Amino acid sequence: MAEIRKPQKVLLLIGLIFVKDFELDKVLNELKNDLGSILMTSNTISFTHTTYYNKEMGSKLMRQWVVFDKLIIPDTLVQLKHTTNTIEKKYLNERGGRKINIDPGILSLSNLILASTKNFSHRIYLGKGIYAEVTLIYKNKTFTPLEWTYPDHQEKIAIELFEKARGILKKRLVNFPSSSHL
């Protein structure tokens, strides 16, 4: 019989989609208060990969990813999604739509997993209304998209950030092995 072991720790990643003139520093400070210090951020790029958010948020949207410094246990993802949803609700436009979309995920040595409140065929229910989606897998020394991977997560700027974060995670895990039993 296989023995149940503690999971390897992962890095917390947050994907942000926001209206062009949004005061992002307010949300980043709030996220830092809840989640700890920021390890790295991507440059901000225009978000033109889909019109999914346009009705709610408008058409001039921006995209940025933020990686947090603290190593976490993967099952923290459920609570993180609830935390980010609460923060989103603080920043609504005059029509009641969001000004910012905050999507938490976890980055491990083998993949990048995003949290969602929406079910789909390739998502697994984690509990408390939250699903998980393997968005990228690490294969052949790079993060590789799957058939459902969002186009923005396939961008060079995103992959480079995820690979850099993975390199840092790999070095840190040497000091924090997780082979102990539950």
C-alpha atoms as a PDB file:
ATOM      1  CA  MET A   1       0.000   0.000   0.000  1.00  0.00           C
ATOM      2  CA  ALA A   2       1.302   3.449  -0.916  1.00  0.00           C
ATOM      3  CA  GLU A   3       1.785   5.845   1.961  1.00  0.00           C
ATOM      4  CA  ILE A   4       0.126   9.235   1.927  1.00  0.00           C
ATOM      5  CA  ARG A   5       2.684  12.035   2.032  1.00  0.00           C
ATOM      6  CA  LYS A   6       2.581  15.776   2.399  1.00  0.00           C
ATOM      7  CA  PRO A   7       2.454  17.555  -0.975  1.00  0.00           C
ATOM      8  CA  GLN A   8       5.397  19.483  -2.290  1.00  0.00           C
ATOM      9  CA  LYS A   9       5.015  23.205  -1.745  1.00  0.00           C
ATOM     10  CA  VAL A  10       4.284  25.514  -4.676  1.00  0.00           C
ATOM     11  CA  LEU A  11       4.409  29.189  -5.576  1.00  0.00           C
ATOM     12  CA  LEU A  12       1.264  31.292  -5.634  1.00  0.00           C
ATOM     13  CA  LEU A  13       0.617  33.057  -8.910  1.00  0.00           C
ATOM     14  CA  ILE A  14      -2.032  35.709  -9.521  1.00  0.00           C
ATOM     15  CA  GLY A  15      -3.269  36.687 -12.978  1.00  0.00           C
ATOM     16  CA  LEU A  16      -4.710  40.179 -13.241  1.00  0.00           C
ATOM     17  CA  ILE A  17      -6.941  41.567 -15.984  1.00  0.00           C
ATOM     18  CA  PHE A  18      -7.963  45.161 -15.368  1.00  0.00           C
ATOM     19  CA  VAL A  19      -9.286  48.299 -17.009  1.00  0.00           C
ATOM     20  CA  LYS A  20      -6.596  50.509 -18.496  1.00  0.00           C
ATOM     21  CA  ASP A  21      -6.692  53.361 -15.963  1.00  0.00           C
ATOM     22  CA  PHE A  22      -7.150  51.152 -12.903  1.00  0.00           C
ATOM     23  CA  GLU A  23      -5.062  52.005  -9.824  1.00  0.00           C
ATOM     24  CA  LEU A  24      -3.383  48.616  -9.620  1.00  0.00           C
ATOM     25  CA  ASP A  25      -1.197  49.549  -6.631  1.00  0.00           C
ATOM     26  CA  LYS A  26      -4.244  49.485  -4.331  1.00  0.00           C
ATOM     27  CA  VAL A  27      -5.006  45.870  -5.218  1.00  0.00           C
ATOM     28  CA  LEU A  28      -1.342  44.827  -5.141  1.00  0.00           C
ATOM     29  CA  ASN A  29      -1.026  46.267  -1.620  1.00  0.00           C
ATOM     30  CA  GLU A  30      -4.167  44.451  -0.551  1.00  0.00           C
ATOM     31  CA  LEU A  31      -2.863  41.192  -2.054  1.00  0.00           C
ATOM     32  CA  LYS A  32       0.489  41.682  -0.293  1.00  0.00           C
ATOM     33  CA  ASN A  33      -1.343  42.191   3.026  1.00  0.00           C
ATOM     34  CA  ASP A  34      -3.242  38.930   2.517  1.00  0.00           C
ATOM     35  CA  LEU A  35      -0.627  36.819   0.706  1.00  0.00           C
ATOM     36  CA  GLY A  36       2.810  38.181   1.577  1.00  0.00           C
ATOM     37  CA  SER A  37       5.540  39.818  -0.433  1.00  0.00           C
ATOM     38  CA  ILE A  38       5.793  39.732  -4.209  1.00  0.00           C
ATOM     39  CA  LEU A  39       8.632  37.723  -5.735  1.00  0.00           C
ATOM     40  CA  MET A  40       8.239  38.969  -9.315  1.00  0.00           C
ATOM     41  CA  THR A  41       5.812  40.519 -11.762  1.00  0.00           C
ATOM     42  CA  SER A  42       5.471  40.463 -15.509  1.00  0.00           C
ATOM     43  CA  ASN A  43       5.327  43.584 -17.581  1.00  0.00           C
ATOM     44  CA  THR A  44       1.816  44.810 -18.233  1.00  0.00           C
ATOM     45  CA  ILE A  45       0.477  43.974 -21.691  1.00  0.00           C
ATOM     46  CA  SER A  46      -2.732  44.734 -23.558  1.00  0.00           C
ATOM     47  CA  PHE A  47      -5.329  42.029 -23.097  1.00  0.00           C
ATOM     48  CA  THR A  48      -6.726  41.401 -26.584  1.00  0.00           C
ATOM     49  CA  HIS A  49      -7.003  37.605 -26.506  1.00  0.00           C
ATOM     50  CA  THR A  50     -10.776  37.445 -26.044  1.00  0.00           C
ATOM     51  CA  THR A  51     -13.798  39.719 -25.755  1.00  0.00           C
ATOM     52  CA  TYR A  52     -15.182  37.634 -22.856  1.00  0.00           C
ATOM     53  CA  TYR A  53     -14.738  40.468 -20.313  1.00  0.00           C
ATOM     54  CA  ASN A  54     -15.672  43.390 -22.576  1.00  0.00           C
ATOM     55  CA  LYS A  55     -19.370  43.603 -21.673  1.00  0.00           C
ATOM     56  CA  GLU A  56     -18.571  43.741 -17.965  1.00  0.00           C
ATOM     57  CA  MET A  57     -15.264  45.627 -17.943  1.00  0.00           C
ATOM     58  CA  GLY A  58     -14.948  47.452 -21.264  1.00  0.00           C
ATOM     59  CA  SER A  59     -12.632  46.916 -24.210  1.00  0.00           C
ATOM     60  CA  LYS A  60      -9.350  48.554 -23.132  1.00  0.00           C
ATOM     61  CA  LEU A  61      -8.057  45.871 -20.792  1.00  0.00           C
ATOM     62  CA  MET A  62      -4.591  45.153 -19.476  1.00  0.00           C
ATOM     63  CA  ARG A  63      -2.947  41.909 -18.297  1.00  0.00           C
ATOM     64  CA  GLN A  64      -0.250  41.253 -15.703  1.00  0.00           C
ATOM     65  CA  TRP A  65       0.936  38.237 -13.687  1.00  0.00           C
ATOM     66  CA  VAL A  66       2.295  38.398 -10.138  1.00  0.00           C
ATOM     67  CA  VAL A  67       4.231  35.638  -8.368  1.00  0.00           C
ATOM     68  CA  PHE A  68       4.322  35.703  -4.578  1.00  0.00           C
ATOM     69  CA  ASP A  69       7.379  34.858  -2.520  1.00  0.00           C
ATOM     70  CA  LYS A  70       5.939  32.479   0.070  1.00  0.00           C
ATOM     71  CA  LEU A  71       5.814  28.738  -0.619  1.00  0.00           C
ATOM     72  CA  ILE A  72       2.335  27.337   0.033  1.00  0.00           C
ATOM     73  CA  ILE A  73       0.585  23.984   0.178  1.00  0.00           C
ATOM     74  CA  PRO A  74      -1.469  23.372  -3.010  1.00  0.00           C
ATOM     75  CA  ASP A  75      -4.824  22.926  -1.262  1.00  0.00           C
ATOM     76  CA  THR A  76      -4.634  26.580  -0.212  1.00  0.00           C
ATOM     77  CA  LEU A  77      -5.946  27.351  -3.716  1.00  0.00           C
ATOM     78  CA  VAL A  78      -9.600  27.083  -2.633  1.00  0.00           C
ATOM     79  CA  GLN A  79      -9.248  29.780   0.037  1.00  0.00           C
ATOM     80  CA  LEU A  80      -7.139  31.938  -2.272  1.00  0.00           C
ATOM     81  CA  LYS A  81      -9.923  32.029  -4.878  1.00  0.00           C
ATOM     82  CA  HIS A  82     -12.414  33.114  -2.223  1.00  0.00           C
ATOM     83  CA  THR A  83      -9.974  35.816  -1.054  1.00  0.00           C
ATOM     84  CA  THR A  84      -9.454  37.175  -4.575  1.00  0.00           C
ATOM     85  CA  ASN A  85     -13.199  37.152  -5.301  1.00  0.00           C
ATOM     86  CA  THR A  86     -13.758  39.246  -2.167  1.00  0.00           C
ATOM     87  CA  ILE A  87     -11.127  41.760  -3.299  1.00  0.00           C
ATOM     88  CA  GLU A  88     -12.670  41.977  -6.803  1.00  0.00           C
ATOM     89  CA  LYS A  89     -16.029  42.960  -5.304  1.00  0.00           C
ATOM     90  CA  LYS A  90     -14.450  46.042  -3.726  1.00  0.00           C
ATOM     91  CA  TYR A  91     -13.606  47.461  -7.155  1.00  0.00           C
ATOM     92  CA  LEU A  92     -16.791  47.648  -9.200  1.00  0.00           C
ATOM     93  CA  ASN A  93     -17.665  50.090 -11.956  1.00  0.00           C
ATOM     94  CA  GLU A  94     -20.795  52.264 -12.029  1.00  0.00           C
ATOM     95  CA  ARG A  95     -22.753  49.405 -13.690  1.00  0.00           C
ATOM     96  CA  GLY A  96     -21.773  46.918 -10.973  1.00  0.00           C
ATOM     97  CA  GLY A  97     -19.208  45.131 -13.156  1.00  0.00           C
ATOM     98  CA  ARG A  98     -15.648  44.459 -12.127  1.00  0.00           C
ATOM     99  CA  LYS A  99     -12.760  46.796 -12.839  1.00  0.00           C
ATOM    100  CA  ILE A 100     -10.331  43.976 -12.118  1.00  0.00           C
ATOM    101  CA  ASN A 101     -10.355  40.209 -12.523  1.00  0.00           C
ATOM    102  CA  ILE A 102      -8.019  38.412 -10.101  1.00  0.00           C
ATOM    103  CA  ASP A 103      -7.295  34.762 -10.853  1.00  0.00           C
ATOM    104  CA  PRO A 104      -5.125  32.798  -8.430  1.00  0.00           C
ATOM    105  CA  GLY A 105      -3.111  29.803  -9.459  1.00  0.00           C
ATOM    106  CA  ILE A 106      -0.306  27.628  -8.230  1.00  0.00           C
ATOM    107  CA  LEU A 107       2.970  26.953  -9.966  1.00  0.00           C
ATOM    108  CA  SER A 108       4.727  23.654  -9.264  1.00  0.00           C
ATOM    109  CA  LEU A 109       7.714  21.975 -10.847  1.00  0.00           C
ATOM    110  CA  SER A 110       5.357  20.036 -13.125  1.00  0.00           C
ATOM    111  CA  ASN A 111       2.504  22.403 -13.966  1.00  0.00           C
ATOM    112  CA  LEU A 112       0.551  25.607 -13.549  1.00  0.00           C
ATOM    113  CA  ILE A 113      -2.948  25.195 -12.132  1.00  0.00           C
ATOM    114  CA  LEU A 114      -5.601  27.926 -12.120  1.00  0.00           C
ATOM    115  CA  ALA A 115      -8.620  28.204  -9.841  1.00  0.00           C
ATOM    116  CA  SER A 116     -12.075  28.844 -11.270  1.00  0.00           C
ATOM    117  CA  THR A 117     -15.655  29.107 -10.070  1.00  0.00           C
ATOM    118  CA  LYS A 118     -16.837  27.587 -13.358  1.00  0.00           C
ATOM    119  CA  ASN A 119     -17.011  23.866 -14.082  1.00  0.00           C
ATOM    120  CA  PHE A 120     -15.945  22.380 -17.387  1.00  0.00           C
ATOM    121  CA  SER A 121     -14.951  18.959 -18.705  1.00  0.00           C
ATOM    122  CA  HIS A 122     -11.257  19.416 -17.911  1.00  0.00           C
ATOM    123  CA  ARG A 123     -11.714  20.911 -14.435  1.00  0.00           C
ATOM    124  CA  ILE A 124     -11.760  19.118 -11.102  1.00  0.00           C
ATOM    125  CA  TYR A 125     -13.944  20.206  -8.210  1.00  0.00           C
ATOM    126  CA  LEU A 126     -11.880  21.068  -5.121  1.00  0.00           C
ATOM    127  CA  GLY A 127     -14.697  22.110  -2.771  1.00  0.00           C
ATOM    128  CA  LYS A 128     -16.440  25.272  -1.588  1.00  0.00           C
ATOM    129  CA  GLY A 129     -17.491  26.134  -5.158  1.00  0.00           C
ATOM    130  CA  ILE A 130     -13.946  26.101  -6.593  1.00  0.00           C
ATOM    131  CA  TYR A 131     -12.561  24.069  -9.499  1.00  0.00           C
ATOM    132  CA  ALA A 132      -8.957  23.516 -10.578  1.00  0.00           C
ATOM    133  CA  GLU A 133      -7.626  23.465 -14.113  1.00  0.00           C
ATOM    134  CA  VAL A 134      -4.202  22.270 -15.197  1.00  0.00           C
ATOM    135  CA  THR A 135      -3.402  25.114 -17.590  1.00  0.00           C
ATOM    136  CA  LEU A 136       0.219  24.386 -18.511  1.00  0.00           C
ATOM    137  CA  ILE A 137       2.441  21.338 -18.031  1.00  0.00           C
ATOM    138  CA  TYR A 138       6.204  21.411 -17.750  1.00  0.00           C
ATOM    139  CA  LYS A 139       7.596  19.232 -20.519  1.00  0.00           C
ATOM    140  CA  ASN A 140      10.822  19.323 -22.537  1.00  0.00           C
ATOM    141  CA  LYS A 141      12.251  22.076 -20.316  1.00  0.00           C
ATOM    142  CA  THR A 142       9.405  24.520 -20.876  1.00  0.00           C
ATOM    143  CA  PHE A 143       5.786  25.131 -19.948  1.00  0.00           C
ATOM    144  CA  THR A 144       3.610  23.584 -22.638  1.00  0.00           C
ATOM    145  CA  PRO A 145      -0.025  24.547 -23.354  1.00  0.00           C
ATOM    146  CA  LEU A 146      -2.912  22.122 -23.485  1.00  0.00           C
ATOM    147  CA  GLU A 147      -5.859  22.317 -25.865  1.00  0.00           C
ATOM    148  CA  TRP A 148      -7.813  24.488 -23.383  1.00  0.00           C
ATOM    149  CA  THR A 149      -4.940  26.761 -22.297  1.00  0.00           C
ATOM    150  CA  TYR A 150      -5.926  30.401 -22.586  1.00  0.00           C
ATOM    151  CA  PRO A 151      -4.006  32.221 -25.365  1.00  0.00           C
ATOM    152  CA  ASP A 152      -2.582  34.831 -22.979  1.00  0.00           C
ATOM    153  CA  HIS A 153      -0.996  32.062 -20.875  1.00  0.00           C
ATOM    154  CA  GLN A 154       0.797  30.920 -24.033  1.00  0.00           C
ATOM    155  CA  GLU A 155       2.391  34.337 -24.634  1.00  0.00           C
ATOM    156  CA  LYS A 156       6.182  34.521 -24.500  1.00  0.00           C
ATOM    157  CA  ILE A 157       6.039  37.055 -21.631  1.00  0.00           C
ATOM    158  CA  ALA A 158       3.941  34.638 -19.546  1.00  0.00           C
ATOM    159  CA  ILE A 159       5.984  31.514 -20.281  1.00  0.00           C
ATOM    160  CA  GLU A 160       9.244  33.331 -19.489  1.00  0.00           C
ATOM    161  CA  LEU A 161       7.870  34.519 -16.134  1.00  0.00           C
ATOM    162  CA  PHE A 162       6.566  31.052 -15.263  1.00  0.00           C
ATOM    163  CA  GLU A 163       9.901  29.436 -16.178  1.00  0.00           C
ATOM    164  CA  LYS A 164      11.856  31.955 -14.113  1.00  0.00           C
ATOM    165  CA  ALA A 165       9.541  31.372 -11.136  1.00  0.00           C
ATOM    166  CA  ARG A 166       9.890  27.607 -11.576  1.00  0.00           C
ATOM    167  CA  GLY A 167      13.675  27.939 -11.445  1.00  0.00           C
ATOM    168  CA  ILE A 168      13.438  29.782  -8.135  1.00  0.00           C
ATOM    169  CA  LEU A 169      10.962  27.213  -6.812  1.00  0.00           C
ATOM    170  CA  LYS A 170      13.274  24.358  -7.778  1.00  0.00           C
ATOM    171  CA  LYS A 171      16.177  25.900  -5.841  1.00  0.00           C
ATOM    172  CA  ARG A 172      13.994  26.515  -2.792  1.00  0.00           C
ATOM    173  CA  LEU A 173      12.576  22.987  -2.721  1.00  0.00           C
ATOM    174  CA  VAL A 174      16.057  21.566  -2.288  1.00  0.00           C
ATOM    175  CA  ASN A 175      15.936  23.185   1.174  1.00  0.00           C
ATOM    176  CA  PHE A 176      12.322  22.128   1.879  1.00  0.00           C
ATOM    177  CA  PRO A 177      11.821  18.487   0.883  1.00  0.00           C
ATOM    178  CA  SER A 178       8.270  17.266   1.465  1.00  0.00           C
ATOM    179  CA  SER A 179       8.617  13.544   1.827  1.00  0.00           C
ATOM    180  CA  SER A 180       7.209  13.309   5.336  1.00  0.00           C
ATOM    181  CA  HIS A 181       4.038  11.369   6.045  1.00  0.00           C
ATOM    182  CA  LEU A 182       0.747  12.982   6.909  1.00  0.00           C
END
